[in-house]
């Protein structure tokens, strides 16, 4: 019986403080979740705003690559003697 009483007295303060910590941790968790939702919303807004810019950049990059490939083919043809390919216009 003394062992049970000693164990109860040893555990009771820990249980009481654990309840306090649980409430504090719950408040921290709730605040963290709110901050995470806010940050995720900001990231979604940023990504949406950048999507059009990224699409324009990719289109411009593809157009540049096509123009460069055309120039390379014309240069190769010019070097092979096709004078029409040497015309800059």
PDB file of N, CA and C in Angstrom:
ATOM      1  N   UNK A   1       0.816  -1.183   0.000  1.00  0.00           N
ATOM      2  CA  UNK A   1       0.000   0.000   0.000  1.00  0.00           C
ATOM      3  C   UNK A   1       0.871   1.262   0.000  1.00  0.00           C
ATOM      4  N   UNK A   2       1.958   1.221   0.757  1.00  0.00           N
ATOM      5  CA  UNK A   2       2.851   2.370   0.793  1.00  0.00           C
ATOM      6  C   UNK A   2       3.488   2.605  -0.576  1.00  0.00           C
ATOM      7  N   UNK A   3       3.802   1.511  -1.244  1.00  0.00           N
ATOM      8  CA  UNK A   3       4.388   1.631  -2.589  1.00  0.00           C
ATOM      9  C   UNK A   3       3.400   2.309  -3.535  1.00  0.00           C
ATOM     10  N   UNK A   4       2.153   1.913  -3.473  1.00  0.00           N
ATOM     11  CA  UNK A   4       1.125   2.509  -4.319  1.00  0.00           C
ATOM     12  C   UNK A   4       0.978   3.996  -4.006  1.00  0.00           C
ATOM     13  N   UNK A   5       0.962   4.346  -2.717  1.00  0.00           N
ATOM     14  CA  UNK A   5       0.834   5.738  -2.305  1.00  0.00           C
ATOM     15  C   UNK A   5       2.042   6.549  -2.766  1.00  0.00           C
ATOM     16  N   UNK A   6       3.216   6.000  -2.632  1.00  0.00           N
ATOM     17  CA  UNK A   6       4.441   6.685  -3.059  1.00  0.00           C
ATOM     18  C   UNK A   6       4.431   6.880  -4.570  1.00  0.00           C
ATOM     19  N   UNK A   7       3.997   5.871  -5.290  1.00  0.00           N
ATOM     20  CA  UNK A   7       3.919   5.964  -6.751  1.00  0.00           C
ATOM     21  C   UNK A   7       2.894   7.007  -7.165  1.00  0.00           C
ATOM     22  N   UNK A   8       1.748   7.024  -6.493  1.00  0.00           N
ATOM     23  CA  UNK A   8       0.709   8.005  -6.800  1.00  0.00           C
ATOM     24  C   UNK A   8       1.207   9.415  -6.531  1.00  0.00           C
ATOM     25  N   UNK A   9       1.887   9.612  -5.433  1.00  0.00           N
ATOM     26  CA  UNK A   9       2.411  10.932  -5.109  1.00  0.00           C
ATOM     27  C   UNK A   9       3.504  11.368  -6.081  1.00  0.00           C
ATOM     28  N   UNK A  10       4.247  10.431  -6.605  1.00  0.00           N
ATOM     29  CA  UNK A  10       5.303  10.755  -7.560  1.00  0.00           C
ATOM     30  C   UNK A  10       4.727  11.082  -8.931  1.00  0.00           C
ATOM     31  N   UNK A  11       3.644  10.414  -9.304  1.00  0.00           N
ATOM     32  CA  UNK A  11       3.074  10.572 -10.643  1.00  0.00           C
ATOM     33  C   UNK A  11       2.107  11.747 -10.717  1.00  0.00           C
ATOM     34  N   UNK A  12       1.407  12.039  -9.644  1.00  0.00           N
ATOM     35  CA  UNK A  12       0.384  13.068  -9.649  1.00  0.00           C
ATOM     36  C   UNK A  12       0.904  14.438 -10.087  1.00  0.00           C
ATOM     37  N   UNK A  13       2.025  14.938  -9.592  1.00  0.00           N
ATOM     38  CA  UNK A  13       2.517  16.240 -10.077  1.00  0.00           C
ATOM     39  C   UNK A  13       2.888  16.203 -11.565  1.00  0.00           C
ATOM     40  N   UNK A  14       3.409  15.092 -12.008  1.00  0.00           N
ATOM     41  CA  UNK A  14       3.767  14.976 -13.418  1.00  0.00           C
ATOM     42  C   UNK A  14       2.525  15.021 -14.294  1.00  0.00           C
ATOM     43  N   UNK A  15       1.459  14.380 -13.858  1.00  0.00           N
ATOM     44  CA  UNK A  15       0.200  14.394 -14.620  1.00  0.00           C
ATOM     45  C   UNK A  15      -0.363  15.801 -14.653  1.00  0.00           C
ATOM     46  N   UNK A  16      -0.325  16.507 -13.537  1.00  0.00           N
ATOM     47  CA  UNK A  16      -0.846  17.870 -13.476  1.00  0.00           C
ATOM     48  C   UNK A  16      -0.052  18.792 -14.405  1.00  0.00           C
ATOM     49  N   UNK A  17       1.268  18.688 -14.374  1.00  0.00           N
ATOM     50  CA  UNK A  17       2.075  19.552 -15.245  1.00  0.00           C
ATOM     51  C   UNK A  17       1.942  19.129 -16.698  1.00  0.00           C
ATOM     52  N   UNK A  18       1.738  17.844 -16.950  1.00  0.00           N
ATOM     53  CA  UNK A  18       1.545  17.379 -18.322  1.00  0.00           C
ATOM     54  C   UNK A  18       0.274  17.970 -18.903  1.00  0.00           C
ATOM     55  N   UNK A  19      -0.771  18.109 -18.101  1.00  0.00           N
ATOM     56  CA  UNK A  19      -2.011  18.715 -18.581  1.00  0.00           C
ATOM     57  C   UNK A  19      -1.760  20.172 -18.973  1.00  0.00           C
ATOM     58  N   UNK A  20      -1.012  20.898 -18.149  1.00  0.00           N
ATOM     59  CA  UNK A  20      -0.681  22.288 -18.451  1.00  0.00           C
ATOM     60  C   UNK A  20       0.124  22.360 -19.750  1.00  0.00           C
ATOM     61  N   UNK A  21       1.107  21.488 -19.888  1.00  0.00           N
ATOM     62  CA  UNK A  21       1.912  21.477 -21.111  1.00  0.00           C
ATOM     63  C   UNK A  21       1.065  21.114 -22.317  1.00  0.00           C
ATOM     64  N   UNK A  22       0.142  20.212 -22.162  1.00  0.00           N
ATOM     65  CA  UNK A  22      -0.710  19.852 -23.290  1.00  0.00           C
ATOM     66  C   UNK A  22      -1.505  21.053 -23.778  1.00  0.00           C
ATOM     67  N   UNK A  23      -2.039  21.849 -22.849  1.00  0.00           N
ATOM     68  CA  UNK A  23      -2.779  23.043 -23.240  1.00  0.00           C
ATOM     69  C   UNK A  23      -1.867  24.040 -23.948  1.00  0.00           C
ATOM     70  N   UNK A  24      -0.676  24.211 -23.426  1.00  0.00           N
ATOM     71  CA  UNK A  24       0.276  25.131 -24.045  1.00  0.00           C
ATOM     72  C   UNK A  24       0.706  24.611 -25.412  1.00  0.00           C
ATOM     73  N   UNK A  25       0.971  23.346 -25.496  1.00  0.00           N
ATOM     74  CA  UNK A  25       1.370  22.760 -26.788  1.00  0.00           C
ATOM     75  C   UNK A  25       0.231  22.818 -27.786  1.00  0.00           C
ATOM     76  N   UNK A  26      -0.990  22.618 -27.306  1.00  0.00           N
ATOM     77  CA  UNK A  26      -2.142  22.694 -28.200  1.00  0.00           C
ATOM     78  C   UNK A  26      -2.260  24.108 -28.778  1.00  0.00           C
ATOM     79  N   UNK A  27      -2.048  25.117 -27.951  1.00  0.00           N
ATOM     80  CA  UNK A  27      -2.094  26.500 -28.423  1.00  0.00           C
ATOM     81  C   UNK A  27      -0.970  26.759 -29.424  1.00  0.00           C
ATOM     82  N   UNK A  28       0.218  26.240 -29.121  1.00  0.00           N
ATOM     83  CA  UNK A  28       1.344  26.377 -30.059  1.00  0.00           C
ATOM     84  C   UNK A  28       1.052  25.683 -31.380  1.00  0.00           C
ATOM     85  N   UNK A  29       0.496  24.495 -31.292  1.00  0.00           N
ATOM     86  CA  UNK A  29       0.190  23.738 -32.508  1.00  0.00           C
ATOM     87  C   UNK A  29      -0.846  24.471 -33.353  1.00  0.00           C
ATOM     88  N   UNK A  30      -1.870  25.004 -32.683  1.00  0.00           N
ATOM     89  CA  UNK A  30      -2.908  25.740 -33.403  1.00  0.00           C
ATOM     90  C   UNK A  30      -2.316  26.966 -34.088  1.00  0.00           C
ATOM     91  N   UNK A  31      -1.465  27.695 -33.391  1.00  0.00           N
ATOM     92  CA  UNK A  31      -0.829  28.880 -33.974  1.00  0.00           C
ATOM     93  C   UNK A  31       0.096  28.490 -35.129  1.00  0.00           C
ATOM     94  N   UNK A  32       0.835  27.414 -34.955  1.00  0.00           N
ATOM     95  CA  UNK A  32       1.723  26.944 -36.026  1.00  0.00           C
ATOM     96  C   UNK A  32       0.928  26.545 -37.257  1.00  0.00           C
ATOM     97  N   UNK A  33      -0.184  25.854 -37.052  1.00  0.00           N
ATOM     98  CA  UNK A  33      -1.025  25.461 -38.185  1.00  0.00           C
ATOM     99  C   UNK A  33      -1.579  26.689 -38.898  1.00  0.00           C
ATOM    100  N   UNK A  34      -1.968  27.701 -38.140  1.00  0.00           N
ATOM    101  CA  UNK A  34      -2.467  28.937 -38.737  1.00  0.00           C
ATOM    102  C   UNK A  34      -1.374  29.621 -39.557  1.00  0.00           C
ATOM    103  N   UNK A  35      -0.170  29.686 -38.996  1.00  0.00           N
ATOM    104  CA  UNK A  35       0.953  30.282 -39.727  1.00  0.00           C
ATOM    105  C   UNK A  35       1.273  29.489 -40.989  1.00  0.00           C
ATOM    106  N   UNK A  36       1.216  28.165 -40.894  1.00  0.00           N
ATOM    107  CA  UNK A  36       1.484  27.325 -42.066  1.00  0.00           C
ATOM    108  C   UNK A  36       0.443  27.541 -43.155  1.00  0.00           C
ATOM    109  N   UNK A  37      -0.837  27.665 -42.753  1.00  0.00           N
ATOM    110  CA  UNK A  37      -1.889  27.920 -43.751  1.00  0.00           C
ATOM    111  C   UNK A  37      -1.670  29.273 -44.426  1.00  0.00           C
ATOM    112  N   UNK A  38      -1.306  30.276 -43.643  1.00  0.00           N
ATOM    113  CA  UNK A  38      -1.043  31.603 -44.196  1.00  0.00           C
ATOM    114  C   UNK A  38       0.130  31.560 -45.164  1.00  0.00           C
ATOM    115  N   UNK A  39       1.185  30.881 -44.772  1.00  0.00           N
ATOM    116  CA  UNK A  39       2.362  30.767 -45.645  1.00  0.00           C
ATOM    117  C   UNK A  39       2.031  29.996 -46.917  1.00  0.00           C
ATOM    118  N   UNK A  40       1.266  28.919 -46.797  1.00  0.00           N
ATOM    119  CA  UNK A  40       0.886  28.131 -47.979  1.00  0.00           C
ATOM    120  C   UNK A  40       0.043  28.976 -48.929  1.00  0.00           C
ATOM    121  N   UNK A  41      -0.847  29.805 -48.371  1.00  0.00           N
ATOM    122  CA  UNK A  41      -1.663  30.683 -49.201  1.00  0.00           C
ATOM    123  C   UNK A  41      -0.780  31.688 -49.938  1.00  0.00           C
ATOM    124  N   UNK A  42       0.212  32.239 -49.240  1.00  0.00           N
ATOM    125  CA  UNK A  42       1.137  33.185 -49.868  1.00  0.00           C
ATOM    126  C   UNK A  42       1.934  32.518 -50.984  1.00  0.00           C
ATOM    127  N   UNK A  43       2.362  31.289 -50.772  1.00  0.00           N
ATOM    128  CA  UNK A  43       3.108  30.549 -51.798  1.00  0.00           C
ATOM    129  C   UNK A  43       2.206  30.275 -53.000  1.00  0.00           C
ATOM    130  N   UNK A  44       0.960  29.901 -52.753  1.00  0.00           N
ATOM    131  CA  UNK A  44       0.020  29.661 -53.857  1.00  0.00           C
ATOM    132  C   UNK A  44      -0.202  30.933 -54.668  1.00  0.00           C
ATOM    133  N   UNK A  45      -0.358  32.071 -53.975  1.00  0.00           N
ATOM    134  CA  UNK A  45      -0.536  33.344 -54.684  1.00  0.00           C
ATOM    135  C   UNK A  45       0.706  33.673 -55.513  1.00  0.00           C
ATOM    136  N   UNK A  46       1.883  33.462 -54.924  1.00  0.00           N
ATOM    137  CA  UNK A  46       3.119  33.747 -55.639  1.00  0.00           C
ATOM    138  C   UNK A  46       3.251  32.858 -56.873  1.00  0.00           C
ATOM    139  N   UNK A  47       2.969  31.570 -56.696  1.00  0.00           N
ATOM    140  CA  UNK A  47       3.084  30.643 -57.821  1.00  0.00           C
ATOM    141  C   UNK A  47       2.095  30.975 -58.922  1.00  0.00           C
ATOM    142  N   UNK A  48       0.892  31.380 -58.542  1.00  0.00           N
ATOM    143  CA  UNK A  48      -0.107  31.763 -59.543  1.00  0.00           C
ATOM    144  C   UNK A  48       0.353  33.000 -60.300  1.00  0.00           C
ATOM    145  N   UNK A  49       0.887  33.971 -59.583  1.00  0.00           N
ATOM    146  CA  UNK A  49       1.361  35.195 -60.219  1.00  0.00           C
ATOM    147  C   UNK A  49       2.544  34.906 -61.134  1.00  0.00           C
ATOM    148  N   UNK A  50       3.380  33.979 -60.758  1.00  0.00           N
ATOM    149  CA  UNK A  50       4.570  33.666 -61.557  1.00  0.00           C
ATOM    150  C   UNK A  50       4.280  32.713 -62.706  1.00  0.00           C
ATOM    151  N   UNK A  51       3.142  32.051 -62.695  1.00  0.00           N
ATOM    152  CA  UNK A  51       2.847  31.057 -63.728  1.00  0.00           C
ATOM    153  C   UNK A  51       2.830  31.685 -65.119  1.00  0.00           C
ATOM    154  N   UNK A  52       2.178  32.832 -65.250  1.00  0.00           N
ATOM    155  CA  UNK A  52       2.117  33.498 -66.555  1.00  0.00           C
ATOM    156  C   UNK A  52       3.507  33.954 -66.990  1.00  0.00           C
ATOM    157  N   UNK A  53       4.281  34.499 -66.052  1.00  0.00           N
ATOM    158  CA  UNK A  53       5.644  34.940 -66.378  1.00  0.00           C
ATOM    159  C   UNK A  53       6.500  33.753 -66.802  1.00  0.00           C
ATOM    160  N   UNK A  54       6.364  32.649 -66.106  1.00  0.00           N
ATOM    161  CA  UNK A  54       7.143  31.458 -66.435  1.00  0.00           C
ATOM    162  C   UNK A  54       6.750  30.922 -67.810  1.00  0.00           C
ATOM    163  N   UNK A  55       5.455  30.940 -68.122  1.00  0.00           N
ATOM    164  CA  UNK A  55       4.997  30.478 -69.441  1.00  0.00           C
ATOM    165  C   UNK A  55       5.557  31.385 -70.538  1.00  0.00           C
ATOM    166  N   UNK A  56       5.535  32.705 -70.321  1.00  0.00           N
ATOM    167  CA  UNK A  56       6.106  33.622 -71.317  1.00  0.00           C
ATOM    168  C   UNK A  56       7.601  33.384 -71.488  1.00  0.00           C
ATOM    169  N   UNK A  57       8.293  33.155 -70.385  1.00  0.00           N
ATOM    170  CA  UNK A  57       9.726  32.886 -70.464  1.00  0.00           C
ATOM    171  C   UNK A  57       9.997  31.616 -71.256  1.00  0.00           C
ATOM    172  N   UNK A  58       9.235  30.562 -70.979  1.00  0.00           N
ATOM    173  CA  UNK A  58       9.434  29.299 -71.706  1.00  0.00           C
ATOM    174  C   UNK A  58       9.133  29.457 -73.186  1.00  0.00           C
ATOM    175  N   UNK A  59       8.082  30.208 -73.528  1.00  0.00           N
ATOM    176  CA  UNK A  59       7.757  30.460 -74.936  1.00  0.00           C
ATOM    177  C   UNK A  59       8.879  31.239 -75.616  1.00  0.00           C
ATOM    178  N   UNK A  60       9.387  32.267 -74.942  1.00  0.00           N
ATOM    179  CA  UNK A  60      10.475  33.065 -75.510  1.00  0.00           C
ATOM    180  C   UNK A  60      11.733  32.217 -75.681  1.00  0.00           C
ATOM    181  N   UNK A  61      11.993  31.368 -74.708  1.00  0.00           N
ATOM    182  CA  UNK A  61      13.173  30.495 -74.795  1.00  0.00           C
ATOM    183  C   UNK A  61      13.039  29.520 -75.963  1.00  0.00           C
ATOM    184  N   UNK A  62      11.845  28.970 -76.146  1.00  0.00           N
ATOM    185  CA  UNK A  62      11.614  28.042 -77.268  1.00  0.00           C
ATOM    186  C   UNK A  62      11.757  28.769 -78.603  1.00  0.00           C
ATOM    187  N   UNK A  63      11.230  29.997 -78.697  1.00  0.00           N
ATOM    188  CA  UNK A  63      11.354  30.780 -79.931  1.00  0.00           C
ATOM    189  C   UNK A  63      12.829  31.088 -80.211  1.00  0.00           C
ATOM    190  N   UNK A  64      13.564  31.427 -79.171  1.00  0.00           N
ATOM    191  CA  UNK A  64      14.997  31.695 -79.329  1.00  0.00           C
ATOM    192  C   UNK A  64      15.721  30.450 -79.838  1.00  0.00           C
ATOM    193  N   UNK A  65      15.412  29.304 -79.264  1.00  0.00           N
ATOM    194  CA  UNK A  65      16.063  28.060 -79.700  1.00  0.00           C
ATOM    195  C   UNK A  65      15.723  27.735 -81.158  1.00  0.00           C
ATOM    196  N   UNK A  66      14.463  27.976 -81.553  1.00  0.00           N
ATOM    197  CA  UNK A  66      14.081  27.739 -82.960  1.00  0.00           C
ATOM    198  C   UNK A  66      14.838  28.680 -83.890  1.00  0.00           C
ATOM    199  N   UNK A  67      14.928  29.956 -83.538  1.00  0.00           N
ATOM    200  CA  UNK A  67      15.644  30.937 -84.367  1.00  0.00           C
ATOM    201  C   UNK A  67      17.130  30.582 -84.447  1.00  0.00           C
ATOM    202  N   UNK A  68      17.680  30.148 -83.360  1.00  0.00           N
ATOM    203  CA  UNK A  68      19.097  29.771 -83.345  1.00  0.00           C
ATOM    204  C   UNK A  68      19.347  28.546 -84.227  1.00  0.00           C
ATOM    205  N   UNK A  69      18.436  27.575 -84.168  1.00  0.00           N
ATOM    206  CA  UNK A  69      18.577  26.381 -85.010  1.00  0.00           C
ATOM    207  C   UNK A  69      18.450  26.750 -86.490  1.00  0.00           C
ATOM    208  N   UNK A  70      17.538  27.660 -86.810  1.00  0.00           N
ATOM    209  CA  UNK A  70      17.403  28.130 -88.197  1.00  0.00           C
ATOM    210  C   UNK A  70      18.697  28.809 -88.639  1.00  0.00           C
ATOM    211  N   UNK A  71      19.254  29.658 -87.792  1.00  0.00           N
ATOM    212  CA  UNK A  71      20.508  30.328 -88.115  1.00  0.00           C
ATOM    213  C   UNK A  71      21.624  29.310 -88.334  1.00  0.00           C
ATOM    214  N   UNK A  72      21.700  28.288 -87.479  1.00  0.00           N
ATOM    215  CA  UNK A  72      22.743  27.259 -87.650  1.00  0.00           C
ATOM    216  C   UNK A  72      22.601  26.535 -88.980  1.00  0.00           C
ATOM    217  N   UNK A  73      21.362  26.191 -89.352  1.00  0.00           N
ATOM    218  CA  UNK A  73      21.155  25.506 -90.646  1.00  0.00           C
ATOM    219  C   UNK A  73      21.546  26.406 -91.809  1.00  0.00           C
ATOM    220  N   UNK A  74      21.185  27.699 -91.720  1.00  0.00           N
ATOM    221  CA  UNK A  74      21.547  28.638 -92.797  1.00  0.00           C
ATOM    222  C   UNK A  74      23.058  28.814 -92.861  1.00  0.00           C
ATOM    223  N   UNK A  75      23.708  28.880 -91.717  1.00  0.00           N
ATOM    224  CA  UNK A  75      25.160  29.017 -91.693  1.00  0.00           C
ATOM    225  C   UNK A  75      25.817  27.799 -92.327  1.00  0.00           C
ATOM    226  N   UNK A  76      25.342  26.617 -91.975  1.00  0.00           N
ATOM    227  CA  UNK A  76      25.911  25.390 -92.552  1.00  0.00           C
ATOM    228  C   UNK A  76      25.695  25.359 -94.065  1.00  0.00           C
ATOM    229  N   UNK A  77      24.510  25.755 -94.513  1.00  0.00           N
ATOM    230  CA  UNK A  77      24.228  25.781 -95.949  1.00  0.00           C
ATOM    231  C   UNK A  77      25.112  26.808 -96.644  1.00  0.00           C
ATOM    232  N   UNK A  78      25.293  27.968 -96.033  1.00  0.00           N
ATOM    233  CA  UNK A  78      26.148  29.004 -96.611  1.00  0.00           C
ATOM    234  C   UNK A  78      27.585  28.501 -96.730  1.00  0.00           C
ATOM    235  N   UNK A  79      28.060  27.844 -95.669  1.00  0.00           N
ATOM    236  CA  UNK A  79      29.424  27.317 -95.701  1.00  0.00           C
ATOM    237  C   UNK A  79      29.579  26.210 -96.732  1.00  0.00           C
ATOM    238  N   UNK A  80      28.452  25.529 -97.053  1.00  0.00           N
ATOM    239  CA  UNK A  80      28.489  24.482 -98.078  1.00  0.00           C
ATOM    240  C   UNK A  80      28.335  25.050 -99.488  1.00  0.00           C
ATOM    241  N   UNK A  81      28.195  26.382 -99.600  1.00  0.00           N
ATOM    242  CA  UNK A  81      28.166  26.998-100.922  1.00  0.00           C
ATOM    243  C   UNK A  81      26.796  27.483-101.360  1.00  0.00           C
ATOM    244  N   UNK A  82      25.772  27.362-100.598  1.00  0.00           N
ATOM    245  CA  UNK A  82      24.440  27.858-100.985  1.00  0.00           C
ATOM    246  C   UNK A  82      24.402  29.355-100.695  1.00  0.00           C
ATOM    247  N   UNK A  83      24.570  30.165-101.771  1.00  0.00           N
ATOM    248  CA  UNK A  83      24.658  31.613-101.578  1.00  0.00           C
ATOM    249  C   UNK A  83      23.339  32.217-101.109  1.00  0.00           C
ATOM    250  N   UNK A  84      22.198  31.583-101.404  1.00  0.00           N
ATOM    251  CA  UNK A  84      20.921  32.113-100.918  1.00  0.00           C
ATOM    252  C   UNK A  84      20.862  32.057 -99.391  1.00  0.00           C
ATOM    253  N   UNK A  85      21.504  31.052 -98.808  1.00  0.00           N
ATOM    254  CA  UNK A  85      21.528  30.919 -97.348  1.00  0.00           C
ATOM    255  C   UNK A  85      22.424  31.974 -96.712  1.00  0.00           C
ATOM    256  N   UNK A  86      23.337  32.545 -97.506  1.00  0.00           N
ATOM    257  CA  UNK A  86      24.246  33.559 -96.972  1.00  0.00           C
ATOM    258  C   UNK A  86      23.587  34.932 -96.906  1.00  0.00           C
ATOM    259  N   UNK A  87      22.465  35.126 -97.544  1.00  0.00           N
ATOM    260  CA  UNK A  87      21.758  36.408 -97.555  1.00  0.00           C
ATOM    261  C   UNK A  87      21.218  36.698 -96.150  1.00  0.00           C
ATOM    262  N   UNK A  88      21.612  37.814 -95.558  1.00  0.00           N
ATOM    263  CA  UNK A  88      21.162  38.088 -94.180  1.00  0.00           C
ATOM    264  C   UNK A  88      19.670  38.373 -94.100  1.00  0.00           C
ATOM    265  N   UNK A  89      19.000  38.699 -95.147  1.00  0.00           N
ATOM    266  CA  UNK A  89      17.559  39.052 -95.098  1.00  0.00           C
ATOM    267  C   UNK A  89      16.722  37.876 -95.170  1.00  0.00           C
TER     268      UNK A  89
END
